[in-house]
Amino acid sequence: MIRVALADDQGLVRAGFRMIVESQPDMQVAGEAQDGQDAIDLIKRERPDVVLMDIRMPRMDGIEATRQVASLTRVVILTTYELDEYVFDALAAGASGFLLKAAPPEDLVRAIRVVASGEALLAPSVTRRLIEEFAKRPEPSGRRPKDVESLTDRELEVLREVAKGLTNSEIAHRLHVSETTVKTHVAHLLDKLELRDRVQAVILAYEAGLVERP
């Protein structure tokens, strides 16, 4: 059973998400919160598997709340606009996924399952947005985290492709290997670098100067 917490300051929005979640036989709502501080309290108390987190909320916004609970649960950020100016900050704070509030119910259900399974939910358009944000920021120091040196040449190559926003199948095609092989390399590099998912891998790769900025 996937336990899902709902954090949004609009009651109607939470009610809609509750109906969708409870319509699934393998999901249940672990609780609701109407602001970031309530969300933190709820997550610490209930330890849900996944949290649907709005960005703009009173008292404490979803970004700060995500930063404080990212080590306790997996967060899917909800927003009204695809190019929300806070998306980058939310992902950098530790969110594992991103979803538009206007997405159809089946997309929400899929997002919950993907994130609950330990994967990141990052659409190509959002990856591009993430990369664009890095391009605007100061150049990286070029200092690589010590753990990066533990990667094999192939794992480093795969990390660079992940940072470009490519899917496993696209990486497999570019490197002339199977998609299963790419998945294995991704799993190994995430484990070695102690990263939660591909979102953090993209951030680390750019901060370490492993890829050229667009």
N, C-alpha and C. Protein backbone atom coordinates (compact mmCIF):
# COMPACT_ATOMS: atom_id res chain seq x y z
N MET A 1 0.84 -1.20 0.00
CA MET A 1 0.00 0.00 0.00
C MET A 1 0.87 1.25 0.00
N ILE A 2 0.64 2.17 -0.94
CA ILE A 2 1.39 3.42 -1.02
C ILE A 2 0.64 4.48 -0.24
N ARG A 3 1.27 5.00 0.79
CA ARG A 3 0.64 6.02 1.63
C ARG A 3 1.03 7.40 1.13
N VAL A 4 0.02 8.22 0.82
CA VAL A 4 0.24 9.52 0.18
C VAL A 4 -0.27 10.66 1.06
N ALA A 5 0.57 11.66 1.28
CA ALA A 5 0.17 12.85 2.03
C ALA A 5 -0.12 13.97 1.02
N LEU A 6 -1.09 14.82 1.33
CA LEU A 6 -1.50 15.89 0.44
C LEU A 6 -1.23 17.24 1.10
N ALA A 7 -0.43 18.09 0.45
CA ALA A 7 -0.12 19.41 1.01
C ALA A 7 -0.47 20.50 0.00
N ASP A 8 -1.57 21.20 0.26
CA ASP A 8 -2.02 22.27 -0.62
C ASP A 8 -2.94 23.18 0.19
N ASP A 9 -2.85 24.49 -0.05
CA ASP A 9 -3.66 25.40 0.75
C ASP A 9 -5.09 25.52 0.27
N GLN A 10 -5.42 24.88 -0.85
CA GLN A 10 -6.78 24.92 -1.37
C GLN A 10 -7.50 23.60 -1.07
N GLY A 11 -8.57 23.70 -0.28
CA GLY A 11 -9.31 22.51 0.11
C GLY A 11 -9.89 21.73 -1.05
N LEU A 12 -10.36 22.43 -2.07
CA LEU A 12 -10.93 21.74 -3.23
C LEU A 12 -9.87 20.95 -3.98
N VAL A 13 -8.66 21.49 -4.05
CA VAL A 13 -7.57 20.79 -4.72
C VAL A 13 -7.24 19.51 -3.95
N ARG A 14 -7.13 19.63 -2.64
CA ARG A 14 -6.84 18.44 -1.83
C ARG A 14 -7.94 17.40 -1.97
N ALA A 15 -9.19 17.86 -2.01
CA ALA A 15 -10.32 16.93 -2.14
C ALA A 15 -10.24 16.18 -3.46
N GLY A 16 -9.87 16.89 -4.51
CA GLY A 16 -9.74 16.25 -5.81
C GLY A 16 -8.63 15.21 -5.82
N PHE A 17 -7.50 15.55 -5.23
CA PHE A 17 -6.38 14.60 -5.17
C PHE A 17 -6.75 13.40 -4.30
N ARG A 18 -7.48 13.66 -3.21
CA ARG A 18 -7.90 12.57 -2.32
C ARG A 18 -8.77 11.57 -3.08
N MET A 19 -9.71 12.06 -3.87
CA MET A 19 -10.58 11.18 -4.64
C MET A 19 -9.78 10.31 -5.60
N ILE A 20 -8.78 10.93 -6.25
CA ILE A 20 -7.96 10.18 -7.22
C ILE A 20 -7.15 9.10 -6.50
N VAL A 21 -6.49 9.48 -5.40
CA VAL A 21 -5.65 8.54 -4.66
C VAL A 21 -6.49 7.39 -4.11
N GLU A 22 -7.62 7.72 -3.50
CA GLU A 22 -8.43 6.68 -2.88
C GLU A 22 -9.16 5.80 -3.88
N SER A 23 -9.15 6.19 -5.15
CA SER A 23 -9.77 5.34 -6.18
C SER A 23 -8.85 4.18 -6.57
N GLN A 24 -7.61 4.23 -6.10
CA GLN A 24 -6.64 3.19 -6.44
C GLN A 24 -6.56 2.15 -5.32
N PRO A 25 -6.64 0.88 -5.66
CA PRO A 25 -6.65 -0.17 -4.64
C PRO A 25 -5.33 -0.29 -3.86
N ASP A 26 -4.24 0.24 -4.41
CA ASP A 26 -2.94 0.11 -3.76
C ASP A 26 -2.47 1.41 -3.12
N MET A 27 -3.39 2.38 -2.96
CA MET A 27 -3.02 3.67 -2.37
C MET A 27 -3.99 4.09 -1.28
N GLN A 28 -3.48 4.89 -0.35
CA GLN A 28 -4.35 5.47 0.66
C GLN A 28 -3.78 6.83 1.07
N VAL A 29 -4.66 7.73 1.50
CA VAL A 29 -4.24 9.06 1.92
C VAL A 29 -3.78 9.00 3.38
N ALA A 30 -2.55 9.47 3.63
CA ALA A 30 -1.98 9.42 4.97
C ALA A 30 -2.32 10.67 5.78
N GLY A 31 -2.90 11.67 5.10
CA GLY A 31 -3.25 12.90 5.80
C GLY A 31 -3.17 14.10 4.87
N GLU A 32 -3.69 15.24 5.33
CA GLU A 32 -3.69 16.47 4.55
C GLU A 32 -3.07 17.61 5.34
N ALA A 33 -2.46 18.55 4.61
CA ALA A 33 -1.86 19.73 5.24
C ALA A 33 -2.20 20.94 4.37
N GLN A 34 -2.43 22.09 5.01
CA GLN A 34 -2.80 23.28 4.25
C GLN A 34 -1.69 24.32 4.16
N ASP A 35 -0.53 24.02 4.76
CA ASP A 35 0.63 24.89 4.57
C ASP A 35 1.89 24.08 4.82
N GLY A 36 3.04 24.69 4.57
CA GLY A 36 4.30 23.96 4.68
C GLY A 36 4.60 23.43 6.06
N GLN A 37 4.32 24.22 7.09
CA GLN A 37 4.60 23.77 8.45
C GLN A 37 3.70 22.60 8.82
N ASP A 38 2.43 22.67 8.44
CA ASP A 38 1.53 21.54 8.69
C ASP A 38 2.04 20.29 7.97
N ALA A 39 2.57 20.49 6.76
CA ALA A 39 3.08 19.37 5.97
C ALA A 39 4.25 18.69 6.69
N ILE A 40 5.16 19.49 7.23
CA ILE A 40 6.30 18.94 7.96
C ILE A 40 5.83 18.13 9.16
N ASP A 41 4.91 18.70 9.92
CA ASP A 41 4.39 18.01 11.10
C ASP A 41 3.71 16.69 10.71
N LEU A 42 2.92 16.74 9.64
CA LEU A 42 2.22 15.55 9.17
C LEU A 42 3.20 14.46 8.74
N ILE A 43 4.22 14.87 7.98
CA ILE A 43 5.20 13.90 7.46
C ILE A 43 5.99 13.26 8.59
N LYS A 44 6.39 14.05 9.56
CA LYS A 44 7.13 13.50 10.70
C LYS A 44 6.27 12.54 11.51
N ARG A 45 4.97 12.82 11.56
CA ARG A 45 4.06 11.99 12.35
C ARG A 45 3.66 10.72 11.61
N GLU A 46 3.35 10.85 10.33
CA GLU A 46 2.78 9.72 9.58
C GLU A 46 3.78 8.97 8.70
N ARG A 47 4.91 9.61 8.37
CA ARG A 47 5.93 9.01 7.49
C ARG A 47 5.32 8.40 6.22
N PRO A 48 4.64 9.22 5.42
CA PRO A 48 4.06 8.70 4.17
C PRO A 48 5.15 8.32 3.17
N ASP A 49 4.78 7.53 2.19
CA ASP A 49 5.73 7.12 1.15
C ASP A 49 5.97 8.25 0.16
N VAL A 50 4.90 8.99 -0.14
CA VAL A 50 4.97 10.07 -1.13
C VAL A 50 4.17 11.27 -0.62
N VAL A 51 4.66 12.47 -0.93
CA VAL A 51 3.93 13.68 -0.59
C VAL A 51 3.67 14.48 -1.87
N LEU A 52 2.43 14.87 -2.08
CA LEU A 52 2.09 15.77 -3.17
C LEU A 52 2.16 17.17 -2.58
N MET A 53 3.16 17.95 -2.99
CA MET A 53 3.48 19.22 -2.33
C MET A 53 3.28 20.42 -3.27
N ASP A 54 2.38 21.31 -2.86
CA ASP A 54 2.20 22.56 -3.60
C ASP A 54 3.39 23.47 -3.30
N ILE A 55 3.76 24.34 -4.24
CA ILE A 55 4.88 25.25 -4.00
C ILE A 55 4.45 26.45 -3.19
N ARG A 56 3.37 27.10 -3.63
CA ARG A 56 2.94 28.34 -2.99
C ARG A 56 1.91 28.06 -1.89
N MET A 57 2.34 28.16 -0.64
CA MET A 57 1.45 27.96 0.50
C MET A 57 1.79 28.99 1.58
N PRO A 58 0.82 29.32 2.43
CA PRO A 58 1.08 30.27 3.51
C PRO A 58 1.96 29.68 4.61
N ARG A 59 2.43 30.55 5.50
CA ARG A 59 3.28 30.20 6.64
C ARG A 59 4.65 29.68 6.23
N MET A 60 4.67 28.64 5.43
CA MET A 60 5.92 28.11 4.88
C MET A 60 5.64 27.55 3.51
N ASP A 61 6.44 27.92 2.52
CA ASP A 61 6.16 27.43 1.17
C ASP A 61 6.64 26.00 0.99
N GLY A 62 6.24 25.42 -0.14
CA GLY A 62 6.57 24.02 -0.40
C GLY A 62 8.04 23.74 -0.59
N ILE A 63 8.80 24.75 -1.00
CA ILE A 63 10.24 24.55 -1.21
C ILE A 63 10.94 24.31 0.11
N GLU A 64 10.70 25.20 1.07
CA GLU A 64 11.34 25.04 2.38
C GLU A 64 10.86 23.77 3.07
N ALA A 65 9.57 23.47 2.92
CA ALA A 65 9.04 22.24 3.51
C ALA A 65 9.71 21.02 2.90
N THR A 66 9.90 21.05 1.58
CA THR A 66 10.57 19.95 0.89
C THR A 66 11.99 19.79 1.39
N ARG A 67 12.68 20.90 1.56
CA ARG A 67 14.06 20.87 2.04
C ARG A 67 14.15 20.18 3.41
N GLN A 68 13.14 20.38 4.22
CA GLN A 68 13.18 19.83 5.58
C GLN A 68 12.73 18.37 5.68
N VAL A 69 12.00 17.89 4.66
CA VAL A 69 11.49 16.51 4.76
C VAL A 69 12.01 15.57 3.68
N ALA A 70 12.88 16.08 2.80
CA ALA A 70 13.36 15.25 1.68
C ALA A 70 14.04 13.97 2.13
N SER A 71 14.60 13.98 3.33
CA SER A 71 15.27 12.78 3.83
C SER A 71 14.29 11.79 4.45
N LEU A 72 13.04 12.21 4.63
CA LEU A 72 12.04 11.37 5.29
C LEU A 72 11.06 10.73 4.33
N THR A 73 10.87 11.35 3.17
CA THR A 73 9.86 10.85 2.23
C THR A 73 10.24 11.31 0.82
N ARG A 74 9.43 10.95 -0.13
CA ARG A 74 9.69 11.38 -1.51
C ARG A 74 8.61 12.40 -1.89
N VAL A 75 9.05 13.50 -2.46
CA VAL A 75 8.16 14.62 -2.72
C VAL A 75 7.91 14.83 -4.21
N VAL A 76 6.63 14.94 -4.57
CA VAL A 76 6.24 15.33 -5.92
C VAL A 76 5.74 16.76 -5.83
N ILE A 77 6.40 17.66 -6.53
CA ILE A 77 6.02 19.07 -6.52
C ILE A 77 4.85 19.31 -7.47
N LEU A 78 3.87 20.04 -6.99
CA LEU A 78 2.70 20.39 -7.81
C LEU A 78 2.72 21.88 -8.11
N THR A 79 2.48 22.23 -9.35
CA THR A 79 2.46 23.65 -9.69
C THR A 79 1.48 23.90 -10.82
N THR A 80 1.13 25.15 -11.00
CA THR A 80 0.14 25.51 -12.02
C THR A 80 0.77 25.67 -13.38
N TYR A 81 2.02 26.11 -13.41
CA TYR A 81 2.68 26.39 -14.68
C TYR A 81 3.93 25.54 -14.86
N GLU A 82 4.13 25.05 -16.07
CA GLU A 82 5.26 24.17 -16.36
C GLU A 82 6.59 24.86 -16.11
N LEU A 83 6.66 26.14 -16.44
CA LEU A 83 7.92 26.87 -16.27
C LEU A 83 7.90 27.72 -15.01
N ASP A 84 7.33 27.17 -13.97
CA ASP A 84 7.28 27.88 -12.70
C ASP A 84 8.69 28.27 -12.28
N GLU A 85 8.86 29.54 -11.88
CA GLU A 85 10.19 30.03 -11.54
C GLU A 85 10.79 29.32 -10.34
N TYR A 86 9.97 28.63 -9.56
CA TYR A 86 10.48 27.97 -8.37
C TYR A 86 10.78 26.49 -8.58
N VAL A 87 10.55 25.99 -9.79
CA VAL A 87 10.76 24.57 -10.04
C VAL A 87 12.19 24.16 -9.74
N PHE A 88 13.16 24.94 -10.23
CA PHE A 88 14.56 24.58 -10.01
C PHE A 88 14.86 24.49 -8.52
N ASP A 89 14.45 25.50 -7.77
CA ASP A 89 14.74 25.52 -6.34
C ASP A 89 14.09 24.34 -5.62
N ALA A 90 12.89 23.97 -6.07
CA ALA A 90 12.20 22.85 -5.45
C ALA A 90 12.94 21.54 -5.70
N LEU A 91 13.41 21.36 -6.92
CA LEU A 91 14.15 20.14 -7.25
C LEU A 91 15.49 20.12 -6.51
N ALA A 92 16.14 21.27 -6.44
CA ALA A 92 17.40 21.35 -5.72
C ALA A 92 17.20 21.09 -4.23
N ALA A 93 16.01 21.38 -3.73
CA ALA A 93 15.71 21.17 -2.31
C ALA A 93 15.51 19.69 -1.98
N GLY A 94 15.40 18.86 -3.03
CA GLY A 94 15.28 17.43 -2.78
C GLY A 94 14.03 16.76 -3.33
N ALA A 95 13.22 17.50 -4.08
CA ALA A 95 12.02 16.89 -4.66
C ALA A 95 12.40 15.81 -5.67
N SER A 96 11.58 14.78 -5.75
CA SER A 96 11.85 13.67 -6.66
C SER A 96 11.03 13.73 -7.93
N GLY A 97 10.10 14.66 -7.99
CA GLY A 97 9.26 14.74 -9.18
C GLY A 97 8.56 16.07 -9.29
N PHE A 98 7.91 16.24 -10.40
CA PHE A 98 7.27 17.51 -10.73
C PHE A 98 6.04 17.21 -11.56
N LEU A 99 4.92 17.83 -11.23
CA LEU A 99 3.69 17.55 -11.97
C LEU A 99 2.82 18.79 -12.01
N LEU A 100 2.19 19.01 -13.16
CA LEU A 100 1.25 20.11 -13.29
C LEU A 100 -0.06 19.75 -12.61
N LYS A 101 -0.67 20.73 -11.94
CA LYS A 101 -1.95 20.47 -11.29
C LYS A 101 -3.03 20.12 -12.31
N ALA A 102 -2.86 20.58 -13.53
CA ALA A 102 -3.85 20.32 -14.56
C ALA A 102 -3.67 18.96 -15.23
N ALA A 103 -2.68 18.20 -14.79
CA ALA A 103 -2.43 16.89 -15.39
C ALA A 103 -3.64 15.98 -15.17
N PRO A 104 -3.92 15.08 -16.12
CA PRO A 104 -5.05 14.16 -15.95
C PRO A 104 -4.80 13.19 -14.80
N PRO A 105 -5.87 12.65 -14.22
CA PRO A 105 -5.75 11.75 -13.06
C PRO A 105 -4.77 10.60 -13.28
N GLU A 106 -4.77 10.03 -14.49
CA GLU A 106 -3.88 8.89 -14.72
C GLU A 106 -2.40 9.29 -14.61
N ASP A 107 -2.09 10.56 -14.95
CA ASP A 107 -0.71 11.03 -14.82
C ASP A 107 -0.33 11.18 -13.35
N LEU A 108 -1.27 11.62 -12.55
CA LEU A 108 -1.01 11.76 -11.11
C LEU A 108 -0.76 10.39 -10.49
N VAL A 109 -1.58 9.43 -10.85
CA VAL A 109 -1.43 8.07 -10.32
C VAL A 109 -0.08 7.49 -10.73
N ARG A 110 0.27 7.69 -12.00
CA ARG A 110 1.56 7.18 -12.48
C ARG A 110 2.72 7.85 -11.75
N ALA A 111 2.59 9.17 -11.53
CA ALA A 111 3.64 9.91 -10.83
C ALA A 111 3.87 9.36 -9.43
N ILE A 112 2.79 9.09 -8.74
CA ILE A 112 2.91 8.54 -7.38
C ILE A 112 3.61 7.20 -7.40
N ARG A 113 3.23 6.35 -8.34
CA ARG A 113 3.83 5.00 -8.40
C ARG A 113 5.31 5.07 -8.78
N VAL A 114 5.63 5.93 -9.74
CA VAL A 114 7.03 6.07 -10.19
C VAL A 114 7.91 6.54 -9.04
N VAL A 115 7.48 7.59 -8.36
CA VAL A 115 8.27 8.15 -7.27
C VAL A 115 8.34 7.18 -6.08
N ALA A 116 7.23 6.51 -5.78
CA ALA A 116 7.22 5.56 -4.67
C ALA A 116 8.17 4.40 -4.92
N SER A 117 8.39 4.07 -6.18
CA SER A 117 9.28 2.95 -6.52
C SER A 117 10.75 3.35 -6.44
N GLY A 118 11.01 4.64 -6.20
CA GLY A 118 12.39 5.08 -6.06
C GLY A 118 12.95 5.80 -7.26
N GLU A 119 12.14 5.96 -8.29
CA GLU A 119 12.60 6.66 -9.49
C GLU A 119 12.26 8.15 -9.39
N ALA A 120 12.87 8.92 -10.28
CA ALA A 120 12.56 10.35 -10.36
C ALA A 120 11.58 10.58 -11.49
N LEU A 121 10.68 11.51 -11.29
CA LEU A 121 9.71 11.86 -12.32
C LEU A 121 10.08 13.23 -12.85
N LEU A 122 10.83 13.25 -13.94
CA LEU A 122 11.32 14.51 -14.47
C LEU A 122 11.11 14.52 -15.98
N ALA A 123 10.09 15.20 -16.42
CA ALA A 123 9.79 15.27 -17.85
C ALA A 123 10.93 15.96 -18.59
N PRO A 124 11.15 15.63 -19.85
CA PRO A 124 12.22 16.27 -20.63
C PRO A 124 12.15 17.79 -20.60
N SER A 125 10.94 18.33 -20.63
CA SER A 125 10.80 19.80 -20.62
C SER A 125 11.31 20.39 -19.31
N VAL A 126 11.12 19.64 -18.22
CA VAL A 126 11.59 20.12 -16.93
C VAL A 126 13.11 19.98 -16.83
N THR A 127 13.64 18.89 -17.39
CA THR A 127 15.09 18.72 -17.42
C THR A 127 15.73 19.87 -18.18
N ARG A 128 15.12 20.24 -19.30
CA ARG A 128 15.66 21.36 -20.08
C ARG A 128 15.62 22.64 -19.26
N ARG A 129 14.53 22.83 -18.52
CA ARG A 129 14.41 24.00 -17.66
C ARG A 129 15.51 24.00 -16.61
N LEU A 130 15.78 22.84 -16.04
CA LEU A 130 16.82 22.71 -15.03
C LEU A 130 18.18 23.10 -15.62
N ILE A 131 18.45 22.62 -16.82
CA ILE A 131 19.72 22.91 -17.49
C ILE A 131 19.82 24.40 -17.82
N GLU A 132 18.71 24.98 -18.27
CA GLU A 132 18.71 26.41 -18.57
C GLU A 132 19.02 27.24 -17.33
N GLU A 133 18.49 26.80 -16.19
CA GLU A 133 18.76 27.52 -14.94
C GLU A 133 20.24 27.46 -14.59
N PHE A 134 20.85 26.30 -14.80
CA PHE A 134 22.27 26.18 -14.52
C PHE A 134 23.09 27.08 -15.43
N ALA A 135 22.63 27.24 -16.67
CA ALA A 135 23.35 28.06 -17.62
C ALA A 135 23.40 29.53 -17.18
N LYS A 136 22.41 29.96 -16.39
CA LYS A 136 22.34 31.34 -15.93
C LYS A 136 23.19 31.58 -14.67
N ARG A 137 23.58 30.51 -14.04
CA ARG A 137 24.27 30.64 -12.76
C ARG A 137 25.78 30.74 -12.94
N PRO A 138 26.49 31.17 -11.91
CA PRO A 138 27.95 31.30 -12.01
C PRO A 138 28.60 29.99 -12.45
N GLU A 139 29.73 30.11 -13.11
CA GLU A 139 30.44 28.91 -13.56
C GLU A 139 30.84 28.06 -12.35
N PRO A 140 30.80 26.75 -12.51
CA PRO A 140 31.18 25.88 -11.40
C PRO A 140 32.67 25.99 -11.10
N SER A 141 33.04 25.64 -9.90
CA SER A 141 34.45 25.72 -9.51
C SER A 141 35.28 24.66 -10.21
N GLY A 142 34.61 23.62 -10.69
CA GLY A 142 35.35 22.55 -11.35
C GLY A 142 35.86 21.52 -10.35
N ARG A 143 35.65 21.78 -9.08
CA ARG A 143 36.08 20.83 -8.06
C ARG A 143 35.09 19.68 -8.01
N ARG A 144 35.55 18.51 -8.24
CA ARG A 144 34.66 17.36 -8.28
C ARG A 144 34.52 16.74 -6.89
N PRO A 145 33.29 16.36 -6.57
CA PRO A 145 33.13 15.63 -5.30
C PRO A 145 34.02 14.40 -5.33
N LYS A 146 34.59 14.08 -4.18
CA LYS A 146 35.53 12.97 -4.11
C LYS A 146 34.96 11.69 -4.69
N ASP A 147 33.66 11.43 -4.45
CA ASP A 147 33.06 10.18 -4.90
C ASP A 147 33.00 10.06 -6.42
N VAL A 148 33.05 11.19 -7.13
CA VAL A 148 33.00 11.14 -8.59
C VAL A 148 34.20 10.37 -9.12
N GLU A 149 35.32 10.47 -8.42
CA GLU A 149 36.53 9.78 -8.87
C GLU A 149 36.37 8.26 -8.81
N SER A 150 35.34 7.80 -8.07
CA SER A 150 35.14 6.35 -7.96
C SER A 150 34.37 5.78 -9.15
N LEU A 151 33.81 6.65 -9.99
CA LEU A 151 33.05 6.18 -11.15
C LEU A 151 33.96 5.63 -12.23
N THR A 152 33.48 4.60 -12.91
CA THR A 152 34.22 4.09 -14.06
C THR A 152 34.05 5.06 -15.22
N ASP A 153 34.86 4.90 -16.25
CA ASP A 153 34.75 5.78 -17.41
C ASP A 153 33.36 5.71 -18.02
N ARG A 154 32.80 4.51 -18.07
CA ARG A 154 31.47 4.35 -18.66
C ARG A 154 30.40 4.99 -17.78
N GLU A 155 30.51 4.84 -16.47
CA GLU A 155 29.56 5.46 -15.56
C GLU A 155 29.62 6.98 -15.66
N LEU A 156 30.82 7.51 -15.82
CA LEU A 156 30.99 8.95 -15.97
C LEU A 156 30.35 9.42 -17.28
N GLU A 157 30.50 8.60 -18.30
CA GLU A 157 29.91 8.91 -19.60
C GLU A 157 28.38 8.93 -19.50
N VAL A 158 27.83 7.94 -18.80
CA VAL A 158 26.38 7.86 -18.62
C VAL A 158 25.89 9.05 -17.80
N LEU A 159 26.64 9.43 -16.77
CA LEU A 159 26.26 10.58 -15.94
C LEU A 159 26.17 11.85 -16.78
N ARG A 160 27.12 12.04 -17.68
CA ARG A 160 27.10 13.23 -18.54
C ARG A 160 25.86 13.23 -19.44
N GLU A 161 25.47 12.06 -19.91
CA GLU A 161 24.29 11.98 -20.78
C GLU A 161 23.01 12.21 -19.96
N VAL A 162 22.97 11.70 -18.74
CA VAL A 162 21.83 11.93 -17.86
C VAL A 162 21.68 13.43 -17.63
N ALA A 163 22.80 14.12 -17.43
CA ALA A 163 22.78 15.55 -17.15
C ALA A 163 22.29 16.37 -18.34
N LYS A 164 22.33 15.78 -19.51
CA LYS A 164 21.83 16.46 -20.70
C LYS A 164 20.32 16.28 -20.86
N GLY A 165 19.73 15.49 -19.96
CA GLY A 165 18.29 15.28 -20.00
C GLY A 165 17.86 14.12 -20.87
N LEU A 166 18.79 13.23 -21.24
CA LEU A 166 18.44 12.11 -22.10
C LEU A 166 17.82 10.97 -21.30
N THR A 167 16.90 10.25 -21.92
CA THR A 167 16.28 9.10 -21.28
C THR A 167 17.22 7.90 -21.39
N ASN A 168 16.91 6.83 -20.67
CA ASN A 168 17.75 5.64 -20.75
C ASN A 168 17.82 5.09 -22.16
N SER A 169 16.70 5.10 -22.88
CA SER A 169 16.70 4.57 -24.24
C SER A 169 17.55 5.44 -25.17
N GLU A 170 17.49 6.75 -24.96
CA GLU A 170 18.31 7.66 -25.79
C GLU A 170 19.80 7.48 -25.50
N ILE A 171 20.10 7.28 -24.22
CA ILE A 171 21.50 7.05 -23.86
C ILE A 171 21.99 5.74 -24.45
N ALA A 172 21.15 4.72 -24.39
CA ALA A 172 21.51 3.41 -24.95
C ALA A 172 21.83 3.53 -26.44
N HIS A 173 21.01 4.29 -27.14
CA HIS A 173 21.23 4.48 -28.59
C HIS A 173 22.54 5.21 -28.85
N ARG A 174 22.82 6.24 -28.08
CA ARG A 174 24.04 7.03 -28.28
C ARG A 174 25.30 6.24 -27.95
N LEU A 175 25.22 5.40 -26.94
CA LEU A 175 26.41 4.66 -26.50
C LEU A 175 26.49 3.25 -27.08
N HIS A 176 25.47 2.90 -27.88
CA HIS A 176 25.44 1.59 -28.55
C HIS A 176 25.47 0.44 -27.55
N VAL A 177 24.64 0.56 -26.52
CA VAL A 177 24.49 -0.52 -25.55
C VAL A 177 23.00 -0.73 -25.33
N SER A 178 22.64 -1.74 -24.55
CA SER A 178 21.23 -2.01 -24.29
C SER A 178 20.69 -1.06 -23.22
N GLU A 179 19.38 -0.89 -23.22
CA GLU A 179 18.76 -0.03 -22.22
C GLU A 179 18.95 -0.61 -20.82
N THR A 180 18.95 -1.93 -20.71
CA THR A 180 19.17 -2.58 -19.43
C THR A 180 20.55 -2.25 -18.88
N THR A 181 21.54 -2.21 -19.78
CA THR A 181 22.90 -1.86 -19.38
C THR A 181 22.96 -0.44 -18.85
N VAL A 182 22.24 0.47 -19.52
CA VAL A 182 22.21 1.87 -19.07
C VAL A 182 21.58 1.95 -17.68
N LYS A 183 20.46 1.24 -17.49
CA LYS A 183 19.80 1.26 -16.18
C LYS A 183 20.74 0.78 -15.08
N THR A 184 21.54 -0.23 -15.40
CA THR A 184 22.51 -0.76 -14.43
C THR A 184 23.56 0.29 -14.09
N HIS A 185 24.08 0.97 -15.13
CA HIS A 185 25.08 2.00 -14.90
C HIS A 185 24.51 3.14 -14.07
N VAL A 186 23.28 3.54 -14.38
CA VAL A 186 22.64 4.63 -13.63
C VAL A 186 22.49 4.22 -12.16
N ALA A 187 22.04 3.01 -11.92
CA ALA A 187 21.87 2.53 -10.55
C ALA A 187 23.20 2.53 -9.80
N HIS A 188 24.25 2.08 -10.47
CA HIS A 188 25.57 2.02 -9.84
C HIS A 188 26.10 3.41 -9.51
N LEU A 189 25.96 4.35 -10.45
CA LEU A 189 26.51 5.68 -10.20
C LEU A 189 25.72 6.42 -9.12
N LEU A 190 24.41 6.21 -9.07
CA LEU A 190 23.61 6.82 -8.01
C LEU A 190 24.03 6.27 -6.65
N ASP A 191 24.30 4.97 -6.62
CA ASP A 191 24.71 4.34 -5.37
C ASP A 191 26.08 4.85 -4.93
N LYS A 192 27.02 4.92 -5.85
CA LYS A 192 28.37 5.38 -5.52
C LYS A 192 28.39 6.83 -5.06
N LEU A 193 27.55 7.65 -5.68
CA LEU A 193 27.53 9.08 -5.36
C LEU A 193 26.55 9.39 -4.22
N GLU A 194 25.87 8.34 -3.74
CA GLU A 194 24.88 8.48 -2.66
C GLU A 194 23.82 9.52 -3.02
N LEU A 195 23.29 9.37 -4.24
CA LEU A 195 22.25 10.26 -4.73
C LEU A 195 20.92 9.53 -4.74
N ARG A 196 19.84 10.26 -4.49
CA ARG A 196 18.51 9.66 -4.45
C ARG A 196 18.00 9.29 -5.82
N ASP A 197 18.26 10.15 -6.81
CA ASP A 197 17.66 9.93 -8.12
C ASP A 197 18.36 10.76 -9.20
N ARG A 198 17.79 10.73 -10.42
CA ARG A 198 18.40 11.41 -11.55
C ARG A 198 18.41 12.93 -11.37
N VAL A 199 17.43 13.46 -10.65
CA VAL A 199 17.39 14.91 -10.42
C VAL A 199 18.68 15.34 -9.74
N GLN A 200 19.04 14.65 -8.67
CA GLN A 200 20.26 15.00 -7.96
C GLN A 200 21.50 14.76 -8.81
N ALA A 201 21.43 13.76 -9.70
CA ALA A 201 22.56 13.48 -10.58
C ALA A 201 22.79 14.65 -11.55
N VAL A 202 21.70 15.20 -12.08
CA VAL A 202 21.80 16.35 -12.98
C VAL A 202 22.44 17.53 -12.25
N ILE A 203 21.97 17.79 -11.05
CA ILE A 203 22.48 18.91 -10.26
C ILE A 203 23.97 18.72 -9.96
N LEU A 204 24.36 17.53 -9.52
CA LEU A 204 25.76 17.28 -9.20
C LEU A 204 26.65 17.43 -10.43
N ALA A 205 26.20 16.90 -11.55
CA ALA A 205 27.01 16.95 -12.77
C ALA A 205 27.32 18.38 -13.19
N TYR A 206 26.33 19.25 -13.09
CA TYR A 206 26.55 20.64 -13.46
C TYR A 206 27.38 21.39 -12.43
N GLU A 207 27.09 21.15 -11.16
CA GLU A 207 27.85 21.83 -10.12
C GLU A 207 29.31 21.42 -10.14
N ALA A 208 29.59 20.19 -10.56
CA ALA A 208 30.97 19.70 -10.60
C ALA A 208 31.65 20.05 -11.92
N GLY A 209 30.90 20.66 -12.85
CA GLY A 209 31.49 21.05 -14.13
C GLY A 209 31.79 19.86 -15.04
N LEU A 210 30.99 18.80 -14.90
CA LEU A 210 31.24 17.60 -15.71
C LEU A 210 30.71 17.73 -17.13
N VAL A 211 29.82 18.69 -17.36
CA VAL A 211 29.26 18.87 -18.70
C VAL A 211 29.32 20.35 -19.07
N GLU A 212 29.38 20.60 -20.38
CA GLU A 212 29.40 21.98 -20.84
C GLU A 212 28.02 22.58 -20.71
N ARG A 213 27.98 23.83 -20.36
CA ARG A 213 26.70 24.52 -20.23
C ARG A 213 26.18 24.92 -21.61
N PRO A 214 24.85 24.91 -21.76
CA PRO A 214 24.29 25.26 -23.07
C PRO A 214 24.52 26.73 -23.39
